Amino acid sequence: MVELLFGTAGIPVSTQPQTTIDGIKRVAELGLDCMELEFVRGVYLNEKKACLIAEAASSARIKLSVHAPYFMNFNSHDPKKLKASQEILYKTARIASMCGAGSVVFHTGFYLGDPPQKAYNTIKQYLSEVVGRLEKDNNRLYLRPELSGKLSQFGNIEEILDLSTEMDGIAPGIDFAHWHARSKGFSSYSEFTKILKQIHERLGRSAMDNMHIHISGIAYGEKGEIRHLNLQESDFKYLELLRALKDFNVRGLVICESPNREEDARLLKESYQALFK
């Protein structure tokens, strides 16, 4: 990436009609740069439609990423669910590649009472099998385990960076709102820069040049994330984060998951651009 791009998690609310291709066009009309296709309830595209979406995104100069279905758990204690999780992620990555997306963000799973290291080993084992299948297909997109927002979920910053360091084809999906909720309020410039320093130290400059970031307002409690909020209804200090991203010259995609997704995506882009004036 040559710059930091801003866009929406899913089709903008103001899109009419509510189709993926019309959503891509609407993102461009709004002056935004990218869109995350939300497969969170299932992979809703076939190969033909995926190719049409790739054409639409290329024509509109909109970068795409994909969020995989929620109902995966690579630490499940049920072998059938583990196999199903592998198949869902593989299918998602296959269709995402046809759409022209560069990344698939996904939730890795839950600890389910397991010690963190045991959960890590299980997740790495079953995830590596999916990576191997994609390598055989010459599918070069990134699988991005997401920094999770609940303490019961696998996916703190160290776990995500460990997977990204130890496995080819894996890169971090950094959800700063989730981190804010998981840490019960960390939201300062120094705390954001600490995360960015960790990423740079572990993965190098190339990772900073190809980030996939989620931002939104968020409500949280003792167990972490409760729900997403609009930025100005939350205590999330997004201006501090944008300043940190600028100072570290981060490049890649910033996907806004606020309920008013396009409004906050534009707020983020305009606030970021104002830092250069």
Protein backbone atom coordinates (compact mmCIF):
# COMPACT_ATOMS: atom_id res chain seq x y z
CA MET A 1 0.00 0.00 0.00
CA VAL A 2 1.18 3.54 -0.71
CA GLU A 3 -1.19 5.23 1.72
CA LEU A 4 -3.78 4.73 4.44
CA LEU A 5 -7.22 4.02 2.97
CA PHE A 6 -10.54 4.46 4.76
CA GLY A 7 -13.80 2.63 4.22
CA THR A 8 -16.76 0.77 5.63
CA ALA A 9 -17.44 -2.63 7.15
CA GLY A 10 -20.11 -3.72 4.71
CA ILE A 11 -22.33 -1.85 2.32
CA PRO A 12 -22.88 1.78 3.35
CA VAL A 13 -26.21 2.31 5.09
CA SER A 14 -27.15 4.93 2.48
CA THR A 15 -26.73 2.50 -0.46
CA GLN A 16 -29.77 2.06 -2.69
CA PRO A 17 -30.44 -0.65 -3.63
CA GLN A 18 -28.59 -2.61 -0.94
CA THR A 19 -26.39 -4.75 -3.20
CA THR A 20 -22.67 -5.33 -2.97
CA ILE A 21 -21.91 -3.74 -6.32
CA ASP A 22 -24.06 -0.71 -5.50
CA GLY A 23 -22.27 -0.57 -2.15
CA ILE A 24 -18.90 -0.38 -3.90
CA LYS A 25 -20.19 2.45 -6.09
CA ARG A 26 -21.59 4.25 -3.03
CA VAL A 27 -18.25 3.98 -1.20
CA ALA A 28 -16.63 5.73 -4.17
CA GLU A 29 -19.35 8.41 -4.27
CA LEU A 30 -18.72 9.15 -0.59
CA GLY A 31 -15.05 9.79 -1.27
CA LEU A 32 -13.96 6.68 0.60
CA ASP A 33 -11.36 4.19 -0.56
CA CYS A 34 -12.17 0.65 0.54
CA MET A 35 -14.85 -1.73 1.76
CA GLU A 36 -14.86 -4.92 3.79
CA LEU A 37 -17.27 -7.53 2.43
CA GLU A 38 -19.19 -8.96 5.36
CA PHE A 39 -19.52 -12.74 5.10
CA VAL A 40 -20.17 -12.86 8.84
CA ARG A 41 -23.40 -14.87 8.48
CA GLY A 42 -22.17 -16.97 5.59
CA VAL A 43 -20.43 -16.76 2.22
CA TYR A 44 -23.26 -15.31 0.15
CA LEU A 45 -21.45 -15.01 -3.20
CA ASN A 46 -20.87 -17.60 -5.89
CA GLU A 47 -17.92 -17.56 -8.30
CA LYS A 48 -19.75 -15.63 -11.03
CA LYS A 49 -20.88 -12.86 -8.68
CA ALA A 50 -17.44 -12.71 -7.09
CA CYS A 51 -15.87 -11.99 -10.46
CA LEU A 52 -18.43 -9.24 -11.14
CA ILE A 53 -17.60 -7.67 -7.79
CA ALA A 54 -13.90 -7.75 -8.62
CA GLU A 55 -14.63 -5.88 -11.85
CA ALA A 56 -16.79 -3.31 -10.08
CA ALA A 57 -14.19 -2.66 -7.39
CA SER A 58 -11.39 -2.34 -9.94
CA SER A 59 -13.46 0.07 -12.03
CA ALA A 60 -14.31 2.21 -8.99
CA ARG A 61 -10.73 1.94 -7.62
CA ILE A 62 -12.02 0.57 -4.33
CA LYS A 63 -9.86 -1.87 -2.39
CA LEU A 64 -11.67 -4.85 -0.88
CA SER A 65 -11.17 -7.12 2.09
CA VAL A 66 -13.45 -9.79 3.55
CA HIS A 67 -14.63 -10.68 7.05
CA ALA A 68 -15.19 -14.42 7.41
CA PRO A 69 -18.26 -15.94 9.12
CA TYR A 70 -18.44 -15.66 12.89
CA PHE A 71 -19.38 -19.29 13.47
CA MET A 72 -15.85 -20.70 13.45
CA ASN A 73 -13.80 -21.98 16.36
CA PHE A 74 -10.34 -23.35 15.68
CA ASN A 75 -10.15 -24.40 19.33
CA SER A 76 -13.40 -26.34 19.38
CA HIS A 77 -13.41 -29.57 21.39
CA ASP A 78 -15.66 -31.13 18.73
CA PRO A 79 -13.71 -32.57 15.75
CA LYS A 80 -16.68 -31.95 13.44
CA LYS A 81 -16.72 -28.25 14.35
CA LEU A 82 -12.97 -28.01 13.79
CA LYS A 83 -13.36 -29.52 10.32
CA ALA A 84 -16.31 -27.23 9.58
CA SER A 85 -14.27 -24.19 10.66
CA GLN A 86 -11.49 -25.18 8.28
CA GLU A 87 -13.93 -25.59 5.38
CA ILE A 88 -15.63 -22.26 6.10
CA LEU A 89 -12.35 -20.35 6.18
CA TYR A 90 -11.07 -22.09 3.05
CA LYS A 91 -14.29 -21.31 1.15
CA THR A 92 -14.21 -17.72 2.35
CA ALA A 93 -10.62 -17.26 1.20
CA ARG A 94 -11.38 -18.82 -2.19
CA ILE A 95 -14.33 -16.52 -2.91
CA ALA A 96 -12.51 -13.51 -1.41
CA SER A 97 -9.64 -14.02 -3.82
CA MET A 98 -12.07 -14.11 -6.75
CA CYS A 99 -13.50 -10.80 -5.50
CA GLY A 100 -10.02 -9.29 -5.67
CA ALA A 101 -9.77 -8.96 -1.89
CA GLY A 102 -6.31 -8.95 -0.39
CA SER A 103 -7.21 -10.16 3.11
CA VAL A 104 -9.67 -12.29 5.05
CA VAL A 105 -10.21 -11.21 8.66
CA PHE A 106 -11.58 -13.86 11.00
CA HIS A 107 -12.26 -14.67 14.64
CA THR A 108 -10.07 -17.61 15.60
CA GLY A 109 -12.13 -19.00 18.46
CA PHE A 110 -12.60 -19.26 22.22
CA TYR A 111 -10.41 -20.61 25.00
CA LEU A 112 -13.26 -22.84 26.29
CA GLY A 113 -11.46 -23.25 29.59
CA ASP A 114 -8.20 -24.37 27.99
CA PRO A 115 -4.89 -22.83 29.08
CA PRO A 116 -3.92 -20.13 26.57
CA GLN A 117 -0.89 -22.08 25.30
CA LYS A 118 -2.97 -25.20 24.67
CA ALA A 119 -5.54 -23.14 22.76
CA TYR A 120 -2.74 -21.51 20.79
CA ASN A 121 -1.25 -24.85 19.77
CA THR A 122 -4.62 -26.22 18.66
CA ILE A 123 -5.49 -23.12 16.68
CA LYS A 124 -2.10 -23.06 15.00
CA GLN A 125 -2.37 -26.73 14.03
CA TYR A 126 -5.78 -26.50 12.38
CA LEU A 127 -5.14 -23.11 10.85
CA SER A 128 -1.89 -24.34 9.28
CA GLU A 129 -3.84 -26.98 7.37
CA VAL A 130 -5.99 -24.27 5.77
CA VAL A 131 -2.88 -22.26 4.93
CA GLY A 132 -1.40 -25.32 3.25
CA ARG A 133 -4.48 -25.80 1.06
CA LEU A 134 -4.41 -22.16 0.01
CA GLU A 135 -0.72 -22.40 -0.84
CA LYS A 136 -1.46 -25.37 -3.11
CA ASP A 137 -4.11 -23.22 -4.82
CA ASN A 138 -1.56 -20.41 -5.21
CA ASN A 139 -4.00 -18.21 -3.28
CA ARG A 140 -1.81 -15.41 -1.97
CA LEU A 141 -4.24 -13.39 0.10
CA TYR A 142 -3.58 -12.88 3.80
CA LEU A 143 -5.53 -14.65 6.51
CA ARG A 144 -5.80 -12.20 9.38
CA PRO A 145 -6.74 -13.47 12.84
CA GLU A 146 -8.46 -10.57 14.55
CA LEU A 147 -7.48 -8.96 17.83
CA SER A 148 -10.55 -9.91 19.85
CA GLY A 149 -12.69 -7.85 22.19
CA LYS A 150 -13.78 -10.38 24.81
CA LEU A 151 -11.59 -11.97 27.46
CA SER A 152 -13.14 -15.36 26.66
CA GLN A 153 -11.95 -15.14 23.06
CA PHE A 154 -8.55 -16.18 21.82
CA GLY A 155 -6.73 -13.24 20.25
CA ASN A 156 -4.79 -10.82 22.42
CA ILE A 157 -2.05 -8.85 20.72
CA GLU A 158 0.73 -11.29 21.65
CA GLU A 159 -1.23 -14.30 20.34
CA ILE A 160 -2.04 -12.58 17.07
CA LEU A 161 1.58 -11.51 16.55
CA ASP A 162 2.87 -14.98 17.46
CA LEU A 163 0.67 -16.58 14.79
CA SER A 164 1.75 -13.93 12.26
CA THR A 165 5.42 -14.48 13.07
CA GLU A 166 5.36 -18.27 13.00
CA MET A 167 3.13 -18.89 9.98
CA ASP A 168 3.40 -17.87 6.33
CA GLY A 169 0.30 -16.24 4.89
CA ILE A 170 -0.87 -15.01 8.30
CA ALA A 171 -0.93 -11.29 9.16
CA PRO A 172 -2.57 -9.41 12.03
CA GLY A 173 -6.06 -7.97 11.90
CA ILE A 174 -5.78 -5.13 14.41
CA ASP A 175 -9.14 -4.09 15.82
CA PHE A 176 -8.25 -1.12 18.00
CA ALA A 177 -11.79 -0.88 19.36
CA HIS A 178 -11.60 -4.50 20.48
CA TRP A 179 -8.24 -3.83 22.12
CA HIS A 180 -9.76 -0.80 23.86
CA ALA A 181 -12.55 -3.04 25.23
CA ARG A 182 -10.28 -5.97 26.08
CA SER A 183 -7.91 -3.68 28.00
CA LYS A 184 -10.90 -1.95 29.70
CA GLY A 185 -10.13 1.51 28.46
CA PHE A 186 -6.59 1.88 27.13
CA SER A 187 -6.95 4.62 24.56
CA SER A 188 -4.04 7.06 24.70
CA TYR A 189 -1.43 8.02 22.14
CA SER A 190 1.30 6.25 24.13
CA GLU A 191 -0.79 3.08 24.37
CA PHE A 192 -1.53 3.08 20.66
CA THR A 193 2.14 3.62 19.83
CA LYS A 194 3.07 0.71 22.10
CA ILE A 195 0.93 -1.60 19.94
CA LEU A 196 2.42 -0.21 16.74
CA LYS A 197 5.95 -0.64 18.09
CA GLN A 198 5.19 -4.27 18.91
CA ILE A 199 3.98 -4.90 15.38
CA HIS A 200 7.03 -3.22 13.86
CA GLU A 201 9.47 -5.04 16.12
CA ARG A 202 7.91 -8.46 15.52
CA LEU A 203 6.96 -8.23 11.84
CA GLY A 204 9.04 -5.42 10.36
CA ARG A 205 8.31 -2.46 8.16
CA SER A 206 6.49 -4.58 5.57
CA ALA A 207 3.69 -5.25 8.07
CA MET A 208 3.32 -1.53 8.75
CA ASP A 209 2.95 -0.97 5.01
CA ASN A 210 0.11 -3.48 4.72
CA MET A 211 -2.09 -3.18 7.80
CA HIS A 212 -5.73 -4.11 8.15
CA ILE A 213 -7.33 -2.05 10.92
CA HIS A 214 -10.81 -1.92 12.44
CA ILE A 215 -12.00 1.21 14.25
CA SER A 216 -15.31 2.08 15.88
CA GLY A 217 -16.71 3.35 19.10
CA ILE A 218 -17.34 0.57 21.58
CA ALA A 219 -19.13 -0.19 24.84
CA TYR A 220 -17.37 -2.57 27.21
CA GLY A 221 -17.51 -4.06 30.68
CA GLU A 222 -15.53 -6.35 32.97
CA LYS A 223 -15.53 -9.15 30.37
CA GLY A 224 -14.63 -6.86 27.47
CA GLU A 225 -16.66 -5.93 24.40
CA ILE A 226 -20.41 -5.41 24.68
CA ARG A 227 -21.37 -3.68 21.42
CA HIS A 228 -20.11 -1.22 18.84
CA LEU A 229 -21.00 2.46 19.13
CA ASN A 230 -20.59 5.52 16.97
CA LEU A 231 -17.25 7.18 17.63
CA GLN A 232 -18.62 10.31 19.27
CA GLU A 233 -20.81 8.24 21.61
CA SER A 234 -17.77 6.36 22.93
CA ASP A 235 -14.71 7.11 25.07
CA PHE A 236 -12.46 5.72 22.33
CA LYS A 237 -9.86 8.40 21.52
CA TYR A 238 -9.78 8.00 17.77
CA LEU A 239 -7.84 11.24 17.20
CA GLU A 240 -5.01 9.88 19.35
CA LEU A 241 -4.99 6.71 17.26
CA LEU A 242 -4.96 8.62 13.98
CA ARG A 243 -2.00 10.66 15.17
CA ALA A 244 -0.14 7.46 16.09
CA LEU A 245 -0.91 5.95 12.67
CA LYS A 246 0.42 9.08 10.99
CA ASP A 247 3.58 9.22 13.10
CA PHE A 248 4.35 5.57 12.32
CA ASN A 249 3.51 6.09 8.63
CA VAL A 250 1.10 3.16 8.71
CA ARG A 251 -0.36 2.12 5.36
CA GLY A 252 -3.18 -0.22 4.44
CA LEU A 253 -6.92 -0.35 5.11
CA VAL A 254 -8.88 1.29 7.94
CA ILE A 255 -12.34 -0.25 8.14
CA CYS A 256 -14.99 1.51 10.22
CA GLU A 257 -17.40 -0.76 12.10
CA SER A 258 -19.49 1.94 13.77
CA PRO A 259 -23.27 1.60 13.37
CA ASN A 260 -23.25 4.75 11.20
CA ARG A 261 -20.37 3.21 9.24
CA GLU A 262 -19.98 5.70 6.39
CA GLU A 263 -20.37 8.76 8.59
CA ASP A 264 -17.62 7.66 10.95
CA ALA A 265 -15.46 6.41 8.06
CA ARG A 266 -15.61 9.90 6.55
CA LEU A 267 -14.94 11.44 9.96
CA LEU A 268 -11.84 9.26 10.30
CA LYS A 269 -10.56 10.06 6.82
CA GLU A 270 -11.14 13.81 7.18
CA SER A 271 -9.58 13.87 10.66
CA TYR A 272 -6.55 11.95 9.40
CA GLN A 273 -6.09 14.26 6.40
CA ALA A 274 -6.31 17.29 8.71
CA LEU A 275 -3.19 16.05 10.53
CA PHE A 276 -1.14 16.83 7.42
CA LYS A 277 -2.28 20.46 7.13
